[in-house]
Amino acid sequence: MRVSTSQIFSASLSQINSALYDVTRLNLMTSSQKKINTPSDDPSGMAAVINLRDYSSALSRYTDNCSTAGNYLSEADSVLSQASEVVTSIMELAEQGSTETYTTEELRMMAEEMEGYLESLMALANSTFGDDYIFGGDDTDSSAFTMGLGITVTGDGLASSASFLSVSGSIDSAIAVRFTEDGTVGADALDYEYSLDGGETWTEGVLASGASTLDLGDCQVELVSGITVNAASDDEEGTEFLVRDAVYYEGSGEAMSVTVSDGIDVDMTSVGSEIFGGLDSTGTAYSGSNLLEAVASCLAYMEAGDYEGVASCLESLRAGQEQLLAGASSVGARETKVSTMEESLGVISEVTDNSISSLEDADATQILIELEQANYIYEAVLSSTSDIMQMSLLDYL
C-alpha cells in the first residue's frame, strides 16, 4: 500500500495536535489547580459542580439572613431587658402611691418620676438597629410610637372607646373634667367644669346645645353626640374623666420576616403594640394587656392625687409586665432559632464546599507527573515527525 507524503503530514499533524492539547490542558489545570475548567473536561462533573454552587449560593444568602435577623433580635432582647427593669421600678412606685401614707403633694411628686418612666418606655419602644425601628413591624422607616393625649374614665356613664371622638391640644398634667348637670350631648346646653391642679380649683364651662366639643383651655375633647351625661360633684359620682398623656402606636401590624432556610421564615422585627400596647390611630386602646395605657393611667391618677385610682392600676400594670416578659421570651426564642439555624447552615455549607472541591479541585502532585509525561510525549512526537518528514526515496536506496 502506497503511503503518500500528504498522509504522513496529516497523521503527524494530528499526533502533534493531540499531544499539544494534553500539554495545554494539563498546564491549565496546573495554573487553576482545578481539574474541571470547561464542560468538555467532565460534562457530568461540571453539571454537578454548577448545581452545588447554586446550592452553596442559596446557603450563603440564608446565612446572611440569619446574621441580619440575629443582630436585630439581639438588639430587641437587650432593649426589652432594659424595659423590664423600668417596669419593675414602675411597679414599686405604683405600689407606694396606692397607699395613703403619702400626702397629695408627695403623690404628685411621684407623678414626675412616673412621667420619666413613661418617657423611658416610649424611648425604648422606639429603639432602632441602624436606621430601622425594631418594634414598628415591617414599617421600619418611622417612629413606632408617638406621644399624644388620651382619656381615662373615672366616673359613670362613659366608655373610653365609644364616647370620645378625638382629643387635641396640649396639657402640662392630667386635666380632671366633670359635668355638673344631667343631659344629652348635642341636644342640651350642659354645664361642666375642669381642673388643672388635681381638683383643688375648678374652671367652669358650658357646652352649647348642638355642640359636642369641650374647651379645656389648651386642650379640646370632642364627644359623641347623643350620649347621656350625669351631674357630678365632690360628693356625688357622675360623668367624670381625666385627659392625660397617652402613647400611640404608629407602626405596622405585621412583623418583617426573612427566610432563613427553604420554607422557614423568622420575624426579625416585632409588632410593638403586641408588647407595649398603647393606642391605635383612632385613639382606641389595644385589647388585652396594655402596658403603656396602664402606666399612662397610673400617671394621671397620681397627678390628680387619686390613691384609689393608682391602686386600681396595679393589676393592669402586672398584666402589662407579663405581656412585656412574654414579648421578651418570643424574641429570645426567635434569637435562639436563628442562631441554631446559622450554625446548621455553616455545617451544611462546609460539606457542600468539600463536595465541590472533591469534584473540581485537582491533585497538584498527580498533575505535575502527568504534565511531565505529556511534555515528554509531545517532544517525542515533534522529534519523530521531524525525522519522518526529512526522509526521501534516497533513504531507501
Protein backbone atom coordinates (compact mmCIF):
# COMPACT_ATOMS: atom_id res chain seq x y z
CA MET A 1 0.00 0.00 0.00
CA ARG A 2 1.39 3.36 -1.02
CA VAL A 3 1.67 5.98 1.75
CA SER A 4 1.72 9.48 0.32
CA THR A 5 3.51 12.46 1.77
CA SER A 6 0.19 14.18 2.48
CA GLN A 7 -0.99 11.21 4.53
CA ILE A 8 2.21 11.27 6.53
CA PHE A 9 1.83 15.01 7.08
CA SER A 10 -1.82 14.69 8.12
CA ALA A 11 -1.13 11.87 10.58
CA SER A 12 1.84 13.69 12.02
CA LEU A 13 -0.13 16.92 12.46
CA SER A 14 -2.92 15.01 14.19
CA GLN A 15 -0.45 13.44 16.62
CA ILE A 16 1.19 16.82 17.30
CA ASN A 17 -2.17 18.48 17.99
CA SER A 18 -3.26 15.65 20.26
CA ALA A 19 -0.03 15.81 22.27
CA LEU A 20 -0.17 19.64 22.39
CA TYR A 21 -3.80 19.51 23.61
CA ASP A 22 -2.77 17.24 26.51
CA VAL A 23 0.08 19.63 27.42
CA THR A 24 -2.18 22.69 27.22
CA ARG A 25 -4.92 21.02 29.25
CA LEU A 26 -2.52 19.96 31.99
CA ASN A 27 -0.87 23.39 32.04
CA LEU A 28 -4.32 24.97 32.54
CA MET A 29 -5.00 22.55 35.40
CA THR A 30 -1.66 23.43 36.95
CA SER A 31 -2.43 27.13 36.68
CA SER A 32 -6.02 26.94 38.01
CA GLN A 33 -5.46 23.97 40.34
CA LYS A 34 -8.77 22.63 39.04
CA LYS A 35 -9.35 19.51 37.01
CA ILE A 36 -12.62 20.80 35.58
CA ASN A 37 -12.12 24.09 33.76
CA THR A 38 -14.54 23.67 30.88
CA PRO A 39 -17.64 21.48 30.42
CA SER A 40 -15.74 19.31 27.96
CA ASP A 41 -13.32 18.28 30.73
CA ASP A 42 -16.09 16.38 32.54
CA PRO A 43 -19.69 17.17 31.45
CA SER A 44 -21.40 15.31 34.29
CA GLY A 45 -18.91 16.63 36.83
CA MET A 46 -19.42 20.22 35.60
CA ALA A 47 -23.22 19.82 35.92
CA ALA A 48 -22.81 18.58 39.49
CA VAL A 49 -20.46 21.48 40.31
CA ILE A 50 -22.92 24.06 38.91
CA ASN A 51 -25.78 22.58 40.96
CA LEU A 52 -23.66 22.54 44.11
CA ARG A 53 -22.54 26.12 43.53
CA ASP A 54 -26.18 27.25 43.20
CA TYR A 55 -26.98 25.45 46.43
CA SER A 56 -23.93 27.00 48.13
CA SER A 57 -25.07 30.46 46.98
CA ALA A 58 -28.52 29.86 48.48
CA LEU A 59 -26.91 28.73 51.73
CA SER A 60 -24.82 31.90 51.76
CA ARG A 61 -27.97 34.03 51.39
CA TYR A 62 -29.69 32.13 54.20
CA THR A 63 -26.62 32.57 56.40
CA ASP A 64 -26.59 36.31 55.71
CA ASN A 65 -30.29 36.49 56.58
CA CYS A 66 -29.64 34.62 59.83
CA SER A 67 -26.85 37.02 60.71
CA THR A 68 -29.01 40.07 60.00
CA ALA A 69 -32.02 38.69 61.88
CA GLY A 70 -29.77 37.72 64.79
CA ASN A 71 -28.47 41.28 65.07
CA TYR A 72 -31.98 42.75 65.09
CA LEU A 73 -33.24 40.22 67.62
CA SER A 74 -30.20 40.64 69.85
CA GLU A 75 -30.85 44.39 69.96
CA ALA A 76 -34.54 43.80 70.74
CA ASP A 77 -33.61 41.35 73.50
CA SER A 78 -31.31 43.92 75.10
CA VAL A 79 -33.96 46.66 74.86
CA LEU A 80 -36.67 44.50 76.41
CA SER A 81 -34.32 43.60 79.24
CA GLN A 82 -33.91 47.32 79.97
CA ALA A 83 -37.67 47.86 79.64
CA SER A 84 -38.29 45.09 82.17
CA GLU A 85 -36.10 46.93 84.69
CA VAL A 86 -38.08 50.14 84.08
CA VAL A 87 -41.38 48.32 84.59
CA THR A 88 -40.09 46.87 87.88
CA SER A 89 -39.41 50.42 89.06
CA ILE A 90 -42.87 51.47 87.86
CA MET A 91 -44.48 48.68 89.86
CA GLU A 92 -42.60 49.68 93.01
CA LEU A 93 -43.60 53.32 92.59
CA ALA A 94 -47.25 52.47 91.89
CA GLU A 95 -47.44 50.25 94.96
CA GLN A 96 -46.08 53.11 97.06
CA GLY A 97 -48.54 55.55 95.54
CA SER A 98 -51.51 53.26 96.12
CA THR A 99 -51.19 53.63 99.89
CA GLU A 100 -52.50 56.69 101.72
CA THR A 101 -49.28 57.11 103.70
CA TYR A 102 -48.20 59.92 101.39
CA THR A 103 -49.66 63.39 101.05
CA THR A 104 -51.28 64.58 97.85
CA GLU A 105 -48.26 66.73 97.18
CA GLU A 106 -45.93 63.74 97.60
CA LEU A 107 -48.13 61.73 95.24
CA ARG A 108 -47.76 64.43 92.62
CA MET A 109 -44.00 64.35 93.10
CA MET A 110 -44.19 60.61 92.43
CA ALA A 111 -46.06 61.50 89.25
CA GLU A 112 -42.99 63.37 87.99
CA GLU A 113 -40.93 60.21 88.45
CA MET A 114 -43.65 58.12 86.78
CA GLU A 115 -43.68 60.53 83.83
CA GLY A 116 -39.96 59.91 83.42
CA TYR A 117 -40.58 56.16 83.39
CA LEU A 118 -43.29 56.55 80.74
CA GLU A 119 -40.93 58.57 78.56
CA SER A 120 -38.20 55.97 79.07
CA LEU A 121 -40.55 53.18 78.00
CA MET A 122 -41.53 55.07 74.86
CA ALA A 123 -37.88 55.75 74.05
CA LEU A 124 -37.07 52.05 74.43
CA ALA A 125 -40.10 51.12 72.32
CA ASN A 126 -38.70 53.43 69.62
CA SER A 127 -35.29 51.74 69.63
CA THR A 128 -33.54 51.30 66.31
CA PHE A 129 -30.96 49.00 64.79
CA GLY A 130 -29.11 51.22 62.38
CA ASP A 131 -31.87 53.34 60.87
CA ASP A 132 -34.63 50.74 61.32
CA TYR A 133 -37.17 50.79 64.15
CA ILE A 134 -37.22 47.28 65.57
CA PHE A 135 -40.66 47.47 67.21
CA GLY A 136 -42.54 49.01 64.27
CA GLY A 137 -43.38 45.75 62.49
CA ASP A 138 -42.46 45.91 58.82
CA ASP A 139 -42.73 49.71 58.87
CA THR A 140 -39.14 50.34 59.91
CA ASP A 141 -38.67 53.83 58.49
CA SER A 142 -40.61 55.91 61.04
CA SER A 143 -41.08 56.01 64.81
CA ALA A 144 -43.15 53.15 66.15
CA PHE A 145 -44.64 55.23 68.98
CA THR A 146 -45.53 58.91 69.43
CA MET A 147 -46.84 60.86 72.39
CA GLY A 148 -50.39 62.24 72.31
CA LEU A 149 -53.44 62.64 74.52
CA GLY A 150 -55.85 60.04 75.86
CA ILE A 151 -58.82 59.61 78.17
CA THR A 152 -59.24 57.73 81.45
CA VAL A 153 -62.87 57.48 82.54
CA THR A 154 -63.20 57.88 86.31
CA GLY A 155 -66.97 58.21 86.73
CA ASP A 156 -70.12 56.51 85.45
CA GLY A 157 -71.86 56.54 82.12
CA LEU A 158 -68.99 56.80 79.60
CA ALA A 159 -66.87 54.28 77.74
CA SER A 160 -63.44 55.46 76.62
CA SER A 161 -63.63 53.92 73.16
CA ALA A 162 -67.26 54.74 72.36
CA SER A 163 -67.95 58.15 73.88
CA PHE A 164 -64.99 60.21 72.62
CA LEU A 165 -64.24 61.11 69.03
CA SER A 166 -60.97 62.99 69.48
CA VAL A 167 -58.65 64.71 71.94
CA SER A 168 -56.41 67.50 70.70
CA GLY A 169 -54.17 70.23 72.01
CA SER A 170 -51.59 70.04 74.77
CA ILE A 171 -51.50 69.62 78.55
CA ASP A 172 -48.94 70.07 81.30
CA SER A 173 -50.54 67.49 83.58
CA ALA A 174 -53.75 65.48 83.75
CA ILE A 175 -56.96 67.52 83.45
CA ALA A 176 -59.94 66.40 85.52
CA VAL A 177 -63.28 67.01 83.79
CA ARG A 178 -66.84 66.56 85.08
CA PHE A 179 -70.36 67.59 84.08
CA THR A 180 -72.38 69.46 86.66
CA GLU A 181 -75.83 68.79 85.20
CA ASP A 182 -77.67 65.95 83.52
CA GLY A 183 -78.45 65.98 79.82
CA THR A 184 -77.65 64.78 76.32
CA VAL A 185 -74.62 65.93 74.35
CA GLY A 186 -75.63 67.71 71.17
CA ALA A 187 -79.21 68.27 72.32
CA ASP A 188 -78.93 70.18 75.61
CA ALA A 189 -76.84 73.06 76.85
CA LEU A 190 -74.67 71.43 79.53
CA ASP A 191 -72.56 72.92 82.30
CA TYR A 192 -69.19 71.33 83.00
CA GLU A 193 -66.00 72.18 84.83
CA TYR A 194 -62.38 71.18 84.65
CA SER A 195 -59.38 71.29 86.95
CA LEU A 196 -55.73 71.71 86.05
CA ASP A 197 -54.45 71.10 89.59
CA GLY A 198 -55.91 67.75 90.60
CA GLY A 199 -59.29 69.08 91.75
CA GLU A 200 -58.15 71.86 94.06
CA THR A 201 -59.66 74.53 91.83
CA TRP A 202 -62.20 74.26 89.00
CA THR A 203 -62.88 76.31 85.89
CA GLU A 204 -66.48 76.38 84.67
CA GLY A 205 -67.57 75.96 81.07
CA VAL A 206 -70.74 75.49 79.01
CA LEU A 207 -71.28 73.01 76.21
CA ALA A 208 -73.80 74.74 73.98
CA SER A 209 -76.84 72.99 72.55
CA GLY A 210 -75.86 71.39 69.23
CA ALA A 211 -72.18 71.36 70.14
CA SER A 212 -70.09 68.36 71.20
CA THR A 213 -66.57 69.74 71.82
CA LEU A 214 -65.42 70.67 75.32
CA ASP A 215 -62.99 73.58 75.58
CA LEU A 216 -60.43 72.85 78.31
CA GLY A 217 -58.06 75.75 77.74
CA ASP A 218 -55.21 74.48 75.59
CA CYS A 219 -56.99 71.16 75.11
CA GLN A 220 -60.23 70.19 73.35
CA VAL A 221 -62.25 66.99 73.73
CA GLU A 222 -64.91 66.03 71.17
CA LEU A 223 -67.70 63.82 72.50
CA VAL A 224 -70.13 61.66 70.55
CA SER A 225 -73.42 63.48 70.04
CA GLY A 226 -76.38 61.80 71.66
CA ILE A 227 -74.63 60.31 74.71
CA THR A 228 -76.17 60.95 78.11
CA VAL A 229 -74.16 62.58 80.90
CA ASN A 230 -74.86 62.81 84.61
CA ALA A 231 -74.06 65.57 87.07
CA ALA A 232 -71.05 65.01 89.32
CA SER A 233 -69.65 66.86 92.31
CA ASP A 234 -67.15 66.40 95.12
CA ASP A 235 -69.74 64.32 96.98
CA GLU A 236 -71.52 62.57 94.14
CA GLU A 237 -70.10 60.48 91.28
CA GLY A 238 -71.32 61.19 87.76
CA THR A 239 -69.81 61.71 84.34
CA GLU A 240 -66.12 62.33 85.04
CA PHE A 241 -62.89 61.65 83.20
CA LEU A 242 -59.23 62.57 83.02
CA VAL A 243 -57.46 63.95 79.95
CA ARG A 244 -53.89 62.70 80.19
CA ASP A 245 -50.79 61.78 78.24
CA ALA A 246 -51.03 58.71 76.04
CA VAL A 247 -48.74 56.81 73.68
CA TYR A 248 -49.92 55.99 70.14
CA TYR A 249 -48.61 53.08 68.11
CA GLU A 250 -47.92 54.11 64.52
CA GLY A 251 -46.11 51.01 63.28
CA SER A 252 -47.39 48.11 61.22
CA GLY A 253 -49.47 45.19 62.39
CA GLU A 254 -47.17 42.72 60.62
CA ALA A 255 -43.57 41.96 61.55
CA MET A 256 -40.77 41.97 58.97
CA SER A 257 -39.67 38.40 58.30
CA VAL A 258 -36.69 36.89 56.50
CA THR A 259 -36.17 33.45 55.01
CA VAL A 260 -33.50 31.52 56.91
CA SER A 261 -33.93 28.18 55.15
CA ASP A 262 -36.07 26.62 52.47
CA GLY A 263 -39.67 27.21 53.61
CA ILE A 264 -38.66 28.63 57.01
CA ASP A 265 -39.22 32.32 57.82
CA VAL A 266 -38.36 34.16 61.05
CA ASP A 267 -39.68 37.55 62.21
CA MET A 268 -36.68 39.83 62.63
CA THR A 269 -38.73 42.79 63.94
CA SER A 270 -41.66 42.87 66.38
CA VAL A 271 -45.10 44.47 66.39
CA GLY A 272 -44.71 46.99 69.22
CA SER A 273 -48.40 47.13 70.13
CA GLU A 274 -48.32 43.41 70.97
CA ILE A 275 -45.55 44.02 73.51
CA PHE A 276 -46.02 47.56 74.81
CA GLY A 277 -49.67 48.22 73.96
CA GLY A 278 -50.70 51.87 73.56
CA LEU A 279 -53.46 53.44 71.45
CA ASP A 280 -54.18 52.93 67.75
CA SER A 281 -54.63 55.78 65.28
CA THR A 282 -58.30 56.21 66.31
CA GLY A 283 -57.40 56.63 69.97
CA THR A 284 -58.68 53.17 70.89
CA ALA A 285 -56.62 51.16 73.35
CA TYR A 286 -55.31 47.83 72.08
CA SER A 287 -57.21 44.94 73.60
CA GLY A 288 -55.76 42.68 76.24
CA SER A 289 -52.88 43.65 78.47
CA ASN A 290 -51.71 47.16 77.68
CA LEU A 291 -48.57 48.31 79.48
CA LEU A 292 -48.33 51.85 78.12
CA GLU A 293 -52.01 52.59 78.83
CA ALA A 294 -51.67 51.21 82.36
CA VAL A 295 -48.63 53.41 83.03
CA ALA A 296 -50.30 56.49 81.48
CA SER A 297 -53.46 55.98 83.56
CA CYS A 298 -51.44 55.46 86.73
CA LEU A 299 -49.56 58.68 85.97
CA ALA A 300 -52.86 60.56 85.53
CA TYR A 301 -54.22 59.28 88.84
CA MET A 302 -51.01 60.37 90.59
CA GLU A 303 -51.25 63.84 89.06
CA ALA A 304 -54.89 64.00 90.21
CA GLY A 305 -53.93 62.89 93.73
CA ASP A 306 -56.19 59.81 93.50
CA TYR A 307 -54.86 56.97 95.69
CA GLU A 308 -57.69 54.61 94.80
CA GLY A 309 -57.13 55.25 91.11
CA VAL A 310 -53.45 54.38 91.46
CA ALA A 311 -54.39 51.18 93.32
CA SER A 312 -56.82 50.25 90.53
CA CYS A 313 -53.92 50.33 88.05
CA LEU A 314 -51.81 47.73 89.85
CA GLU A 315 -53.50 44.74 88.26
CA SER A 316 -53.27 46.17 84.74
CA LEU A 317 -49.62 47.07 85.36
CA ARG A 318 -48.88 43.48 86.37
CA ALA A 319 -50.66 42.23 83.27
CA GLY A 320 -48.64 44.66 81.16
CA GLN A 321 -45.43 43.45 82.78
CA GLU A 322 -46.36 39.84 81.95
CA GLN A 323 -47.07 40.88 78.37
CA LEU A 324 -43.65 42.52 78.14
CA LEU A 325 -41.96 39.39 79.51
CA ALA A 326 -43.91 37.25 77.03
CA GLY A 327 -42.67 39.50 74.23
CA ALA A 328 -39.11 39.16 75.50
CA SER A 329 -39.50 35.37 75.57
CA SER A 330 -40.72 35.41 71.98
CA VAL A 331 -37.74 37.49 70.89
CA GLY A 332 -35.37 35.19 72.80
CA ALA A 333 -36.89 32.09 71.20
CA ARG A 334 -36.50 33.58 67.72
CA GLU A 335 -32.94 34.60 68.51
CA THR A 336 -32.10 31.04 69.59
CA LYS A 337 -33.77 29.61 66.49
CA VAL A 338 -31.79 31.90 64.20
CA SER A 339 -28.52 31.11 65.99
CA THR A 340 -29.13 27.36 65.75
CA MET A 341 -30.11 27.68 62.10
CA GLU A 342 -26.97 29.69 61.35
CA GLU A 343 -24.77 27.01 62.93
CA SER A 344 -26.54 24.28 60.92
CA LEU A 345 -26.16 26.25 57.71
CA GLY A 346 -22.45 26.64 58.45
CA VAL A 347 -22.03 22.85 58.71
CA ILE A 348 -24.05 22.22 55.54
CA SER A 349 -22.11 24.92 53.68
CA GLU A 350 -18.81 23.32 54.69
CA VAL A 351 -19.97 19.91 53.45
CA THR A 352 -21.15 21.47 50.17
CA ASP A 353 -17.84 23.26 49.66
CA ASN A 354 -15.97 20.00 50.30
CA SER A 355 -18.15 18.25 47.72
CA ILE A 356 -17.39 20.95 45.15
CA SER A 357 -13.70 20.69 45.95
CA SER A 358 -13.66 16.91 45.54
CA LEU A 359 -15.26 17.23 42.09
CA GLU A 360 -13.41 20.28 40.86
CA ASP A 361 -10.02 20.60 42.55
CA ALA A 362 -7.02 18.90 41.06
CA ASP A 363 -4.32 16.79 42.72
CA ALA A 364 -1.25 19.01 42.25
CA THR A 365 1.26 16.14 42.53
CA GLN A 366 -0.61 13.95 40.06
CA ILE A 367 -0.96 16.81 37.57
CA LEU A 368 2.79 17.55 37.67
CA ILE A 369 3.55 13.89 36.90
CA GLU A 370 1.04 13.81 34.03
CA LEU A 371 2.36 17.13 32.71
CA GLU A 372 5.93 15.76 32.62
CA GLN A 373 4.65 12.73 30.73
CA ALA A 374 2.68 14.89 28.30
CA ASN A 375 5.67 17.13 27.64
CA TYR A 376 7.86 14.07 27.02
CA ILE A 377 5.30 12.62 24.59
CA TYR A 378 4.89 15.98 22.84
CA GLU A 379 8.65 16.35 22.37
CA ALA A 380 8.90 12.75 21.17
CA VAL A 381 6.15 13.34 18.60
CA LEU A 382 7.85 16.51 17.39
CA SER A 383 11.19 14.73 17.11
CA SER A 384 9.84 11.66 15.30
CA THR A 385 7.69 13.78 13.00
CA SER A 386 10.71 15.90 12.11
CA ASP A 387 12.74 12.78 11.27
CA ILE A 388 9.94 11.28 9.19
CA MET A 389 9.28 14.48 7.25
CA GLN A 390 13.00 14.69 6.30
CA MET A 391 13.05 11.20 4.69
CA SER A 392 13.07 10.73 0.89
CA LEU A 393 13.39 7.82 -1.60
CA LEU A 394 17.14 8.14 -1.35
CA ASP A 395 16.92 6.85 2.21
CA TYR A 396 15.58 3.55 0.81
CA LEU A 397 18.22 3.08 -1.89
